[in-house]
Amino acid sequence: MTTVDANEVTLGVESFGDDDAPLVLLAGGTTLLSWPDALCERLAAGGRRVVRYDLRDSGASTTLDPEAPAYNLRDLAADAAALAGALGGRPAHLAGIGVGGMVAQVAALDHPDVFSALTLVGTRAVAPGPPDDDLPDHDQATMSRLFGHAMPDWSDREAVADFAAAGAEILGDDPVAARAVAARVWDRTTGTAPAVQMANQLGMVFSRLDCTPRWRERLPEIKLPTLVVHGRRDPFFPVGNAEAIAREIPGARLLVLEKAATAIPDAAAGEIAEAMRATG
């Protein structure tokens, strides 16, 4: 792991594969550990240079005040474009997961010449908050259970890992994997200030971002080969959100993971890696 300066900020990055291979840039949602090791390794083994990175206010990236971010969604999109340039200058395959998928959509629209292909995982085409009337919202029964769960002591590594495991079980993800990832995220987080730890674990900073203007209406402008990946069992962003993105981006391919929820299971790494390589 290292850092790269891009767009006047420092971004935490981790690389897999040959530096001379075609670049796949993975925007975290929010930390780079949103992308599982198994997928990164499969992509690298298939002849790609894989770089996953932390969004601002997470991991090893510039962290100032996640409770009052002084940047917006388009700044995060510009970070992705600048990072791709700093890593070699050739067009990169950009992938975003969760909120990183929102960053990736805007980056593809605002900086189309920087990217060669687009993969969107577990995301939607509107900002955090109420969705459009034709898009499915969070499953309310699941959200009631999830947000009814008491917050942990963010300075306690084991309590944070337990909290993540319990949340994963509610969402339908693997609690053992979630516990391990949460512990790794905690270890990579600078300091133990509650707001910073919570931002790294939950991505709460994103709910405070200015995400205007809307970008959904611009999706037909995307000309990049596009892959949309989504878990059939996702209660946070139900699969109808992915179906809408795939309809609205010309030529996009939709890959639904029948047994997945919000996280990418290791068992799906090979299928996703193959589909990403076929996309570009």
C-alpha atoms as a PDB file:
ATOM      1  CA  MET A   1       0.000   0.000   0.000  1.00  0.00           C
ATOM      2  CA  THR A   2       1.112   3.552  -0.716  1.00  0.00           C
ATOM      3  CA  THR A   3      -0.274   7.006  -1.486  1.00  0.00           C
ATOM      4  CA  VAL A   4      -0.529   9.053  -4.683  1.00  0.00           C
ATOM      5  CA  ASP A   5      -1.019  12.815  -4.934  1.00  0.00           C
ATOM      6  CA  ALA A   6      -3.819  13.687  -7.381  1.00  0.00           C
ATOM      7  CA  ASN A   7      -6.187  16.638  -7.757  1.00  0.00           C
ATOM      8  CA  GLU A   8      -4.468  18.416  -4.839  1.00  0.00           C
ATOM      9  CA  VAL A   9      -5.221  15.607  -2.367  1.00  0.00           C
ATOM     10  CA  THR A  10      -3.437  12.464  -1.236  1.00  0.00           C
ATOM     11  CA  LEU A  11      -5.164   9.164  -2.033  1.00  0.00           C
ATOM     12  CA  GLY A  12      -4.391   5.848  -0.384  1.00  0.00           C
ATOM     13  CA  VAL A  13      -3.873   3.134  -2.993  1.00  0.00           C
ATOM     14  CA  GLU A  14      -2.991  -0.543  -3.252  1.00  0.00           C
ATOM     15  CA  SER A  15      -1.786  -2.207  -6.459  1.00  0.00           C
ATOM     16  CA  PHE A  16      -1.979  -5.737  -7.835  1.00  0.00           C
ATOM     17  CA  GLY A  17      -0.400  -7.109 -11.009  1.00  0.00           C
ATOM     18  CA  ASP A  18       2.038  -5.881 -13.636  1.00  0.00           C
ATOM     19  CA  ASP A  19       2.592  -2.117 -13.787  1.00  0.00           C
ATOM     20  CA  ASP A  20       2.649  -2.277 -17.599  1.00  0.00           C
ATOM     21  CA  ALA A  21      -0.715  -4.076 -17.908  1.00  0.00           C
ATOM     22  CA  PRO A  22      -3.982  -2.265 -18.715  1.00  0.00           C
ATOM     23  CA  LEU A  23      -5.176  -0.371 -15.656  1.00  0.00           C
ATOM     24  CA  VAL A  24      -8.349  -1.202 -13.727  1.00  0.00           C
ATOM     25  CA  LEU A  25      -9.058   1.539 -11.182  1.00  0.00           C
ATOM     26  CA  LEU A  26     -11.359   0.570  -8.309  1.00  0.00           C
ATOM     27  CA  ALA A  27     -13.084   3.415  -6.438  1.00  0.00           C
ATOM     28  CA  GLY A  28     -13.834   2.307  -2.894  1.00  0.00           C
ATOM     29  CA  GLY A  29     -17.113   2.758  -1.207  1.00  0.00           C
ATOM     30  CA  THR A  30     -15.596   4.426   0.800  1.00  0.00           C
ATOM     31  CA  THR A  31     -12.368   2.559   1.670  1.00  0.00           C
ATOM     32  CA  LEU A  32     -10.397   0.472  -0.793  1.00  0.00           C
ATOM     33  CA  LEU A  33     -11.241  -2.632   1.257  1.00  0.00           C
ATOM     34  CA  SER A  34     -14.767  -2.438  -0.183  1.00  0.00           C
ATOM     35  CA  TRP A  35     -13.147  -4.366  -3.041  1.00  0.00           C
ATOM     36  CA  PRO A  36     -12.313  -7.934  -1.937  1.00  0.00           C
ATOM     37  CA  ASP A  37      -8.792  -9.282  -2.267  1.00  0.00           C
ATOM     38  CA  ALA A  38     -10.091 -12.269  -4.239  1.00  0.00           C
ATOM     39  CA  LEU A  39     -11.487 -10.091  -7.038  1.00  0.00           C
ATOM     40  CA  CYS A  40      -8.341  -7.934  -7.237  1.00  0.00           C
ATOM     41  CA  GLU A  41      -6.180 -11.049  -7.440  1.00  0.00           C
ATOM     42  CA  ARG A  42      -8.335 -12.643 -10.139  1.00  0.00           C
ATOM     43  CA  LEU A  43      -8.215  -9.486 -12.248  1.00  0.00           C
ATOM     44  CA  ALA A  44      -4.441  -9.255 -11.856  1.00  0.00           C
ATOM     45  CA  ALA A  45      -4.028 -12.917 -12.764  1.00  0.00           C
ATOM     46  CA  GLY A  46      -6.041 -12.188 -15.918  1.00  0.00           C
ATOM     47  CA  GLY A  47      -3.515  -9.628 -17.140  1.00  0.00           C
ATOM     48  CA  ARG A  48      -4.683  -6.396 -15.541  1.00  0.00           C
ATOM     49  CA  ARG A  49      -2.962  -3.864 -13.320  1.00  0.00           C
ATOM     50  CA  VAL A  50      -5.450  -3.358 -10.498  1.00  0.00           C
ATOM     51  CA  VAL A  51      -5.357  -0.287  -8.265  1.00  0.00           C
ATOM     52  CA  ARG A  52      -7.961   0.097  -5.545  1.00  0.00           C
ATOM     53  CA  TYR A  53      -8.122   3.362  -3.628  1.00  0.00           C
ATOM     54  CA  ASP A  54      -9.711   5.138  -0.660  1.00  0.00           C
ATOM     55  CA  LEU A  55     -12.060   8.046  -1.237  1.00  0.00           C
ATOM     56  CA  ARG A  56     -11.295  11.243   0.647  1.00  0.00           C
ATOM     57  CA  ASP A  57     -11.861  11.108   4.412  1.00  0.00           C
ATOM     58  CA  SER A  58     -11.170   7.377   4.505  1.00  0.00           C
ATOM     59  CA  GLY A  59      -8.219   5.016   4.862  1.00  0.00           C
ATOM     60  CA  ALA A  60      -4.876   6.545   3.929  1.00  0.00           C
ATOM     61  CA  SER A  61      -6.434   9.342   1.848  1.00  0.00           C
ATOM     62  CA  THR A  62      -6.604  12.984   2.901  1.00  0.00           C
ATOM     63  CA  THR A  63      -8.804  13.178   5.992  1.00  0.00           C
ATOM     64  CA  LEU A  64      -9.900  16.564   7.328  1.00  0.00           C
ATOM     65  CA  ASP A  65     -13.420  16.690   8.749  1.00  0.00           C
ATOM     66  CA  PRO A  66     -15.808  13.918   7.653  1.00  0.00           C
ATOM     67  CA  GLU A  67     -18.636  15.657   9.527  1.00  0.00           C
ATOM     68  CA  ALA A  68     -18.319  18.750   7.292  1.00  0.00           C
ATOM     69  CA  PRO A  69     -16.673  17.813   3.983  1.00  0.00           C
ATOM     70  CA  ALA A  70     -15.378  20.785   1.992  1.00  0.00           C
ATOM     71  CA  TYR A  71     -15.768  19.006  -1.363  1.00  0.00           C
ATOM     72  CA  ASN A  72     -18.568  17.576  -3.466  1.00  0.00           C
ATOM     73  CA  LEU A  73     -19.366  14.541  -5.596  1.00  0.00           C
ATOM     74  CA  ARG A  74     -17.771  16.091  -8.677  1.00  0.00           C
ATOM     75  CA  ASP A  75     -14.540  16.658  -6.759  1.00  0.00           C
ATOM     76  CA  LEU A  76     -14.467  12.924  -6.007  1.00  0.00           C
ATOM     77  CA  ALA A  77     -15.049  12.224  -9.703  1.00  0.00           C
ATOM     78  CA  ALA A  78     -12.166  14.544 -10.557  1.00  0.00           C
ATOM     79  CA  ASP A  79     -10.005  12.647  -8.032  1.00  0.00           C
ATOM     80  CA  ALA A  80     -10.628   9.441 -10.001  1.00  0.00           C
ATOM     81  CA  ALA A  81      -9.687  11.092 -13.288  1.00  0.00           C
ATOM     82  CA  ALA A  82      -6.551  12.664 -11.832  1.00  0.00           C
ATOM     83  CA  LEU A  83      -5.503   9.400 -10.201  1.00  0.00           C
ATOM     84  CA  ALA A  84      -5.887   7.517 -13.497  1.00  0.00           C
ATOM     85  CA  GLY A  85      -3.631  10.098 -15.103  1.00  0.00           C
ATOM     86  CA  ALA A  86      -1.063   9.903 -12.320  1.00  0.00           C
ATOM     87  CA  LEU A  87      -0.923   6.121 -12.667  1.00  0.00           C
ATOM     88  CA  GLY A  88       0.127   6.119 -16.296  1.00  0.00           C
ATOM     89  CA  GLY A  89      -1.980   8.383 -18.429  1.00  0.00           C
ATOM     90  CA  ARG A  90      -3.606   5.683 -20.580  1.00  0.00           C
ATOM     91  CA  PRO A  91      -7.404   5.330 -20.440  1.00  0.00           C
ATOM     92  CA  ALA A  92      -8.368   3.138 -17.500  1.00  0.00           C
ATOM     93  CA  HIS A  93     -11.239   0.777 -16.786  1.00  0.00           C
ATOM     94  CA  LEU A  94     -13.020   2.537 -13.906  1.00  0.00           C
ATOM     95  CA  ALA A  95     -15.085   0.570 -11.404  1.00  0.00           C
ATOM     96  CA  GLY A  96     -17.062   1.860  -8.432  1.00  0.00           C
ATOM     97  CA  ILE A  97     -18.888   0.017  -5.690  1.00  0.00           C
ATOM     98  CA  GLY A  98     -21.712   1.422  -3.553  1.00  0.00           C
ATOM     99  CA  VAL A  99     -21.164   5.165  -3.178  1.00  0.00           C
ATOM    100  CA  GLY A 100     -18.024   4.673  -5.262  1.00  0.00           C
ATOM    101  CA  GLY A 101     -20.369   3.652  -8.056  1.00  0.00           C
ATOM    102  CA  MET A 102     -21.949   7.101  -7.892  1.00  0.00           C
ATOM    103  CA  VAL A 103     -18.474   8.641  -8.133  1.00  0.00           C
ATOM    104  CA  ALA A 104     -17.717   6.403 -11.126  1.00  0.00           C
ATOM    105  CA  GLN A 105     -20.892   7.403 -12.993  1.00  0.00           C
ATOM    106  CA  VAL A 106     -20.110  11.098 -12.622  1.00  0.00           C
ATOM    107  CA  ALA A 107     -16.442  10.550 -13.501  1.00  0.00           C
ATOM    108  CA  ALA A 108     -17.417   8.750 -16.710  1.00  0.00           C
ATOM    109  CA  LEU A 109     -19.722  11.631 -17.637  1.00  0.00           C
ATOM    110  CA  ASP A 110     -17.387  14.481 -16.696  1.00  0.00           C
ATOM    111  CA  HIS A 111     -14.092  12.909 -17.851  1.00  0.00           C
ATOM    112  CA  PRO A 112     -15.011  10.465 -20.657  1.00  0.00           C
ATOM    113  CA  ASP A 113     -11.618  10.575 -22.392  1.00  0.00           C
ATOM    114  CA  VAL A 114      -9.820   9.373 -19.252  1.00  0.00           C
ATOM    115  CA  PHE A 115     -11.611   6.022 -19.102  1.00  0.00           C
ATOM    116  CA  SER A 116     -11.903   3.046 -21.442  1.00  0.00           C
ATOM    117  CA  ALA A 117     -14.665   1.061 -19.689  1.00  0.00           C
ATOM    118  CA  LEU A 118     -16.975   1.290 -16.698  1.00  0.00           C
ATOM    119  CA  THR A 119     -18.117  -1.206 -14.060  1.00  0.00           C
ATOM    120  CA  LEU A 120     -20.787  -0.266 -11.521  1.00  0.00           C
ATOM    121  CA  VAL A 121     -21.365  -2.563  -8.536  1.00  0.00           C
ATOM    122  CA  GLY A 122     -24.176  -2.376  -5.982  1.00  0.00           C
ATOM    123  CA  THR A 123     -25.074   1.242  -6.661  1.00  0.00           C
ATOM    124  CA  ARG A 124     -27.823   3.480  -8.036  1.00  0.00           C
ATOM    125  CA  ALA A 125     -28.178   6.476 -10.331  1.00  0.00           C
ATOM    126  CA  VAL A 126     -29.354   9.029  -7.756  1.00  0.00           C
ATOM    127  CA  ALA A 127     -27.673  10.588  -4.743  1.00  0.00           C
ATOM    128  CA  PRO A 128     -28.127   9.457  -1.120  1.00  0.00           C
ATOM    129  CA  GLY A 129     -31.590  10.245   0.158  1.00  0.00           C
ATOM    130  CA  PRO A 130     -35.055   9.482  -1.250  1.00  0.00           C
ATOM    131  CA  PRO A 131     -34.853   7.788  -4.669  1.00  0.00           C
ATOM    132  CA  ASP A 132     -36.837   8.667  -7.765  1.00  0.00           C
ATOM    133  CA  ASP A 133     -40.407   7.369  -7.771  1.00  0.00           C
ATOM    134  CA  ASP A 134     -39.595   4.633 -10.289  1.00  0.00           C
ATOM    135  CA  LEU A 135     -36.633   3.278  -8.288  1.00  0.00           C
ATOM    136  CA  PRO A 136     -36.921   0.889  -5.341  1.00  0.00           C
ATOM    137  CA  ASP A 137     -35.919   2.336  -1.980  1.00  0.00           C
ATOM    138  CA  HIS A 138     -34.110   0.562   0.832  1.00  0.00           C
ATOM    139  CA  ASP A 139     -36.044  -2.374   2.262  1.00  0.00           C
ATOM    140  CA  GLN A 140     -37.637  -0.685   5.249  1.00  0.00           C
ATOM    141  CA  ALA A 141     -37.863  -3.769   7.485  1.00  0.00           C
ATOM    142  CA  THR A 142     -34.169  -4.405   6.983  1.00  0.00           C
ATOM    143  CA  MET A 143     -33.304  -0.741   7.566  1.00  0.00           C
ATOM    144  CA  SER A 144     -35.308  -0.696  10.799  1.00  0.00           C
ATOM    145  CA  ARG A 145     -33.282  -3.616  12.098  1.00  0.00           C
ATOM    146  CA  LEU A 146     -30.017  -2.171  10.818  1.00  0.00           C
ATOM    147  CA  PHE A 147     -30.440   1.324  12.256  1.00  0.00           C
ATOM    148  CA  GLY A 148     -31.984  -0.024  15.433  1.00  0.00           C
ATOM    149  CA  HIS A 149     -28.653  -1.658  16.193  1.00  0.00           C
ATOM    150  CA  ALA A 150     -26.724   0.334  18.831  1.00  0.00           C
ATOM    151  CA  MET A 151     -23.578   2.092  17.632  1.00  0.00           C
ATOM    152  CA  PRO A 152     -20.322   0.694  19.014  1.00  0.00           C
ATOM    153  CA  ASP A 153     -17.517   2.420  20.852  1.00  0.00           C
ATOM    154  CA  TRP A 154     -15.611   3.498  17.744  1.00  0.00           C
ATOM    155  CA  SER A 155     -12.314   3.476  19.647  1.00  0.00           C
ATOM    156  CA  ASP A 156     -12.734  -0.248  20.431  1.00  0.00           C
ATOM    157  CA  ARG A 157     -11.511  -2.416  17.536  1.00  0.00           C
ATOM    158  CA  GLU A 158     -13.337  -5.556  18.645  1.00  0.00           C
ATOM    159  CA  ALA A 159     -16.591  -3.708  19.288  1.00  0.00           C
ATOM    160  CA  VAL A 160     -16.424  -2.205  15.797  1.00  0.00           C
ATOM    161  CA  ALA A 161     -15.759  -5.627  14.253  1.00  0.00           C
ATOM    162  CA  ASP A 162     -18.712  -7.104  16.189  1.00  0.00           C
ATOM    163  CA  PHE A 163     -20.925  -4.252  14.988  1.00  0.00           C
ATOM    164  CA  ALA A 164     -19.938  -4.872  11.365  1.00  0.00           C
ATOM    165  CA  ALA A 165     -20.609  -8.593  11.661  1.00  0.00           C
ATOM    166  CA  ALA A 166     -24.067  -7.981  13.124  1.00  0.00           C
ATOM    167  CA  GLY A 167     -24.881  -5.498  10.356  1.00  0.00           C
ATOM    168  CA  ALA A 168     -23.727  -7.912   7.675  1.00  0.00           C
ATOM    169  CA  GLU A 169     -25.990 -10.629   9.043  1.00  0.00           C
ATOM    170  CA  ILE A 170     -28.961  -8.235   8.882  1.00  0.00           C
ATOM    171  CA  LEU A 171     -28.123  -7.282   5.282  1.00  0.00           C
ATOM    172  CA  GLY A 172     -27.620 -10.875   4.170  1.00  0.00           C
ATOM    173  CA  ASP A 173     -23.840 -10.696   3.814  1.00  0.00           C
ATOM    174  CA  ASP A 174     -21.198 -12.960   5.327  1.00  0.00           C
ATOM    175  CA  PRO A 175     -20.671 -11.836   8.946  1.00  0.00           C
ATOM    176  CA  VAL A 176     -17.286 -13.560   9.242  1.00  0.00           C
ATOM    177  CA  ALA A 177     -15.953 -11.745   6.184  1.00  0.00           C
ATOM    178  CA  ALA A 178     -17.470  -8.460   7.365  1.00  0.00           C
ATOM    179  CA  ARG A 179     -15.830  -8.806  10.775  1.00  0.00           C
ATOM    180  CA  ALA A 180     -12.423  -9.368   9.188  1.00  0.00           C
ATOM    181  CA  VAL A 181     -12.783  -6.426   6.801  1.00  0.00           C
ATOM    182  CA  ALA A 182     -13.972  -4.095   9.573  1.00  0.00           C
ATOM    183  CA  ALA A 183     -10.916  -4.968  11.655  1.00  0.00           C
ATOM    184  CA  ARG A 184      -8.648  -4.222   8.694  1.00  0.00           C
ATOM    185  CA  VAL A 185     -10.448  -0.925   8.058  1.00  0.00           C
ATOM    186  CA  TRP A 186     -10.038  -0.004  11.735  1.00  0.00           C
ATOM    187  CA  ASP A 187      -6.313  -0.780  11.542  1.00  0.00           C
ATOM    188  CA  ARG A 188      -5.904   1.475   8.478  1.00  0.00           C
ATOM    189  CA  THR A 189      -7.874   4.388   9.928  1.00  0.00           C
ATOM    190  CA  THR A 190      -5.780   7.332  11.093  1.00  0.00           C
ATOM    191  CA  GLY A 191      -6.556   7.920  14.764  1.00  0.00           C
ATOM    192  CA  THR A 192      -9.529   6.741  16.786  1.00  0.00           C
ATOM    193  CA  ALA A 193     -11.700   9.887  16.705  1.00  0.00           C
ATOM    194  CA  PRO A 194     -15.295   8.597  16.599  1.00  0.00           C
ATOM    195  CA  ALA A 195     -16.293  10.665  13.551  1.00  0.00           C
ATOM    196  CA  VAL A 196     -13.306   9.427  11.556  1.00  0.00           C
ATOM    197  CA  GLN A 197     -13.770   5.791  12.531  1.00  0.00           C
ATOM    198  CA  MET A 198     -17.498   5.941  11.752  1.00  0.00           C
ATOM    199  CA  ALA A 199     -16.804   7.582   8.387  1.00  0.00           C
ATOM    200  CA  ASN A 200     -14.426   4.774   7.481  1.00  0.00           C
ATOM    201  CA  GLN A 201     -16.767   2.018   8.587  1.00  0.00           C
ATOM    202  CA  LEU A 202     -20.111   3.424   7.402  1.00  0.00           C
ATOM    203  CA  GLY A 203     -19.299   6.016   4.754  1.00  0.00           C
ATOM    204  CA  MET A 204     -21.469   8.532   6.615  1.00  0.00           C
ATOM    205  CA  VAL A 205     -19.532  11.413   5.060  1.00  0.00           C
ATOM    206  CA  PHE A 206     -21.308  10.702   1.783  1.00  0.00           C
ATOM    207  CA  SER A 207     -24.695  11.668   3.214  1.00  0.00           C
ATOM    208  CA  ARG A 208     -23.277  15.142   3.866  1.00  0.00           C
ATOM    209  CA  LEU A 209     -21.917  15.740   0.363  1.00  0.00           C
ATOM    210  CA  ASP A 210     -23.337  18.124  -2.196  1.00  0.00           C
ATOM    211  CA  CYS A 211     -24.313  15.721  -4.989  1.00  0.00           C
ATOM    212  CA  THR A 212     -26.012  18.256  -7.265  1.00  0.00           C
ATOM    213  CA  PRO A 213     -26.707  18.587 -10.113  1.00  0.00           C
ATOM    214  CA  ARG A 214     -28.434  15.284 -10.851  1.00  0.00           C
ATOM    215  CA  TRP A 215     -26.699  12.940 -13.242  1.00  0.00           C
ATOM    216  CA  ARG A 216     -29.272  10.220 -13.935  1.00  0.00           C
ATOM    217  CA  GLU A 217     -30.702  12.058 -16.943  1.00  0.00           C
ATOM    218  CA  ARG A 218     -27.196  12.140 -18.459  1.00  0.00           C
ATOM    219  CA  LEU A 219     -26.619   8.370 -18.324  1.00  0.00           C
ATOM    220  CA  PRO A 220     -27.495   7.941 -22.055  1.00  0.00           C
ATOM    221  CA  GLU A 221     -24.441  10.122 -22.782  1.00  0.00           C
ATOM    222  CA  ILE A 222     -22.106   7.381 -21.509  1.00  0.00           C
ATOM    223  CA  LYS A 223     -20.477   5.713 -24.515  1.00  0.00           C
ATOM    224  CA  LEU A 224     -18.036   3.536 -22.594  1.00  0.00           C
ATOM    225  CA  PRO A 225     -18.514  -0.243 -22.561  1.00  0.00           C
ATOM    226  CA  THR A 226     -20.342  -0.716 -19.262  1.00  0.00           C
ATOM    227  CA  LEU A 227     -20.923  -3.625 -16.894  1.00  0.00           C
ATOM    228  CA  VAL A 228     -23.515  -3.332 -14.112  1.00  0.00           C
ATOM    229  CA  VAL A 229     -23.157  -5.884 -11.284  1.00  0.00           C
ATOM    230  CA  HIS A 230     -25.696  -6.290  -8.488  1.00  0.00           C
ATOM    231  CA  GLY A 231     -26.726  -8.777  -5.825  1.00  0.00           C
ATOM    232  CA  ARG A 232     -30.217 -10.185  -6.269  1.00  0.00           C
ATOM    233  CA  ARG A 233     -30.694 -10.131  -2.477  1.00  0.00           C
ATOM    234  CA  ASP A 234     -29.461  -6.577  -1.877  1.00  0.00           C
ATOM    235  CA  PRO A 235     -31.912  -4.879   0.552  1.00  0.00           C
ATOM    236  CA  PHE A 236     -29.983  -1.581   0.671  1.00  0.00           C
ATOM    237  CA  PHE A 237     -30.046  -0.756  -3.036  1.00  0.00           C
ATOM    238  CA  PRO A 238     -32.560  -3.318  -4.394  1.00  0.00           C
ATOM    239  CA  VAL A 239     -31.732  -4.795  -7.792  1.00  0.00           C
ATOM    240  CA  GLY A 240     -34.239  -2.569  -9.606  1.00  0.00           C
ATOM    241  CA  ASN A 241     -31.676   0.225  -9.276  1.00  0.00           C
ATOM    242  CA  ALA A 242     -29.163  -1.774 -11.308  1.00  0.00           C
ATOM    243  CA  GLU A 243     -31.792  -2.675 -13.872  1.00  0.00           C
ATOM    244  CA  ALA A 244     -32.514   1.031 -14.375  1.00  0.00           C
ATOM    245  CA  ILE A 245     -28.826   1.890 -14.843  1.00  0.00           C
ATOM    246  CA  ALA A 246     -28.391  -0.930 -17.345  1.00  0.00           C
ATOM    247  CA  ARG A 247     -31.428   0.274 -19.320  1.00  0.00           C
ATOM    248  CA  GLU A 248     -30.293   3.886 -19.398  1.00  0.00           C
ATOM    249  CA  ILE A 249     -26.613   3.433 -20.358  1.00  0.00           C
ATOM    250  CA  PRO A 250     -26.528   2.401 -24.030  1.00  0.00           C
ATOM    251  CA  GLY A 251     -25.346  -1.164 -24.512  1.00  0.00           C
ATOM    252  CA  ALA A 252     -24.713  -1.814 -20.817  1.00  0.00           C
ATOM    253  CA  ARG A 253     -24.572  -5.435 -19.672  1.00  0.00           C
ATOM    254  CA  LEU A 254     -26.318  -6.421 -16.426  1.00  0.00           C
ATOM    255  CA  LEU A 255     -24.812  -9.207 -14.301  1.00  0.00           C
ATOM    256  CA  VAL A 256     -27.057 -10.193 -11.395  1.00  0.00           C
ATOM    257  CA  LEU A 257     -25.446 -12.295  -8.668  1.00  0.00           C
ATOM    258  CA  GLU A 258     -28.308 -14.512  -7.570  1.00  0.00           C
ATOM    259  CA  LYS A 259     -26.908 -15.409  -4.132  1.00  0.00           C
ATOM    260  CA  ALA A 260     -25.316 -12.053  -3.236  1.00  0.00           C
ATOM    261  CA  ALA A 261     -26.620  -9.154  -1.145  1.00  0.00           C
ATOM    262  CA  THR A 262     -24.639  -5.911  -0.680  1.00  0.00           C
ATOM    263  CA  ALA A 263     -21.061  -7.215  -0.570  1.00  0.00           C
ATOM    264  CA  ILE A 264     -19.147  -9.068  -3.277  1.00  0.00           C
ATOM    265  CA  PRO A 265     -18.756 -12.680  -2.095  1.00  0.00           C
ATOM    266  CA  ASP A 266     -15.413 -14.338  -2.805  1.00  0.00           C
ATOM    267  CA  ALA A 267     -17.304 -17.096  -4.625  1.00  0.00           C
ATOM    268  CA  ALA A 268     -18.347 -14.549  -7.277  1.00  0.00           C
ATOM    269  CA  ALA A 269     -14.849 -13.112  -7.833  1.00  0.00           C
ATOM    270  CA  GLY A 270     -14.078 -15.275 -10.855  1.00  0.00           C
ATOM    271  CA  GLU A 271     -17.391 -14.539 -12.600  1.00  0.00           C
ATOM    272  CA  ILE A 272     -17.067 -10.781 -12.025  1.00  0.00           C
ATOM    273  CA  ALA A 273     -13.407 -10.700 -13.081  1.00  0.00           C
ATOM    274  CA  GLU A 274     -14.240 -12.536 -16.309  1.00  0.00           C
ATOM    275  CA  ALA A 275     -17.116 -10.152 -17.048  1.00  0.00           C
ATOM    276  CA  MET A 276     -14.931  -7.107 -16.353  1.00  0.00           C
ATOM    277  CA  ARG A 277     -12.173  -8.349 -18.655  1.00  0.00           C
ATOM    278  CA  ALA A 278     -14.763  -8.954 -21.381  1.00  0.00           C
ATOM    279  CA  THR A 279     -16.056  -5.399 -20.931  1.00  0.00           C
ATOM    280  CA  GLY A 280     -12.705  -3.733 -21.532  1.00  0.00           C
END
